[in-house]
Amino acid sequence: MMRGFRIEGERDLVFVPLGINYDRVLEDAACCARSIGARRAWAAPGTVNTLSFVARNLRLILKSEWHRFGYACVNFGSPVSMRAYCGSRA
């Protein structure tokens, strides 16, 4: 994009900064454990973790405190004009 940009040209190049965040997803624990090299020798720990996860979520549902997974948030910053940026640096 910068190769074709000319300060005196008829078009400006505008960048819009953004941030994408999420609270959590179901795969977080498994992905984190896998990234540090944790391996399970047998299936029982996975079964126990799954059952405790389900039990904890059922308890939260019964208490009306359960929140769904996967909330995402996108924040947009102020647009940055390349023409204005280059003009301020010259």
Protein backbone atom coordinates (compact mmCIF):
# COMPACT_ATOMS: atom_id res chain seq x y z
CA MET A 1 0.00 0.00 0.00
CA MET A 2 2.83 2.36 0.82
CA ARG A 3 4.54 1.83 -2.55
CA GLY A 4 1.64 3.35 -4.43
CA PHE A 5 1.03 6.18 -1.95
CA ARG A 6 2.00 9.71 -3.01
CA ILE A 7 1.58 12.69 -0.70
CA GLU A 8 0.62 14.90 -3.65
CA GLY A 9 -1.65 12.23 -5.17
CA GLU A 10 -5.41 12.51 -5.37
CA ARG A 11 -6.05 9.68 -2.89
CA ASP A 12 -5.14 9.56 0.78
CA LEU A 13 -4.25 6.37 2.60
CA VAL A 14 -6.18 6.01 5.86
CA PHE A 15 -5.51 3.39 8.54
CA VAL A 16 -8.19 2.49 11.05
CA PRO A 17 -6.66 0.87 14.14
CA LEU A 18 -8.78 -1.77 15.82
CA GLY A 19 -8.56 -4.17 18.69
CA ILE A 20 -10.35 -7.51 18.84
CA ASN A 21 -10.82 -9.08 22.26
CA TYR A 22 -12.80 -11.99 23.63
CA ASP A 23 -13.47 -13.17 27.15
CA ARG A 24 -12.98 -16.90 26.78
CA VAL A 25 -13.87 -19.87 24.66
CA LEU A 26 -14.26 -23.53 25.53
CA GLU A 27 -10.99 -24.50 23.87
CA ASP A 28 -8.81 -22.14 25.95
CA ALA A 29 -7.75 -24.66 28.59
CA ALA A 30 -6.99 -27.40 26.06
CA CYS A 31 -5.02 -25.07 23.78
CA CYS A 32 -3.03 -23.64 26.68
CA ALA A 33 -2.20 -27.10 28.03
CA ARG A 34 -1.16 -28.27 24.57
CA SER A 35 1.07 -25.23 24.02
CA ILE A 36 3.15 -26.00 27.13
CA GLY A 37 3.47 -29.65 26.16
CA ALA A 38 1.12 -31.16 28.74
CA ARG A 39 -0.05 -34.60 27.74
CA ARG A 40 -2.50 -36.89 29.42
CA ALA A 41 -1.44 -40.45 30.07
CA TRP A 42 -4.99 -41.76 30.22
CA ALA A 43 -8.56 -40.61 29.55
CA ALA A 44 -9.89 -40.41 33.13
CA PRO A 45 -8.60 -36.86 33.86
CA GLY A 46 -10.35 -35.62 30.72
CA THR A 47 -13.58 -37.30 31.75
CA VAL A 48 -13.38 -35.90 35.29
CA ASN A 49 -12.69 -32.40 33.94
CA THR A 50 -15.61 -32.64 31.52
CA LEU A 51 -18.03 -33.83 34.20
CA SER A 52 -16.92 -31.11 36.64
CA PHE A 53 -17.30 -28.51 33.88
CA VAL A 54 -20.85 -29.68 33.14
CA ALA A 55 -21.75 -29.82 36.84
CA ARG A 56 -20.37 -26.32 37.46
CA ASN A 57 -22.33 -24.89 34.52
CA LEU A 58 -25.55 -26.64 35.58
CA ARG A 59 -25.13 -25.15 39.06
CA LEU A 60 -24.68 -21.69 37.54
CA ILE A 61 -27.75 -22.18 35.34
CA LEU A 62 -29.87 -23.15 38.34
CA LYS A 63 -28.66 -20.06 40.23
CA SER A 64 -29.29 -17.84 37.15
CA GLU A 65 -25.63 -16.83 37.13
CA TRP A 66 -24.59 -18.56 33.92
CA HIS A 67 -23.18 -16.45 31.08
CA ARG A 68 -22.65 -17.75 27.60
CA PHE A 69 -19.20 -18.28 26.16
CA GLY A 70 -17.53 -16.36 23.40
CA TYR A 71 -18.39 -12.71 23.95
CA ALA A 72 -16.32 -10.67 21.54
CA CYS A 73 -15.54 -6.98 21.50
CA VAL A 74 -14.19 -4.90 18.65
CA ASN A 75 -12.89 -1.40 19.39
CA PHE A 76 -12.15 1.03 16.59
CA GLY A 77 -9.59 3.79 17.06
CA SER A 78 -9.44 7.16 15.40
CA PRO A 79 -8.53 6.95 11.70
CA VAL A 80 -4.94 7.91 10.87
CA SER A 81 -4.39 9.79 7.61
CA MET A 82 -1.09 8.93 5.96
CA ARG A 83 -1.06 12.30 4.22
CA ALA A 84 -1.41 14.12 7.58
CA TYR A 85 1.14 11.82 9.21
CA CYS A 86 3.76 12.39 6.50
CA GLY A 87 3.02 16.11 6.52
CA SER A 88 3.66 16.32 10.25
CA ARG A 89 6.98 14.45 9.89
CA ALA A 90 8.37 16.58 7.03
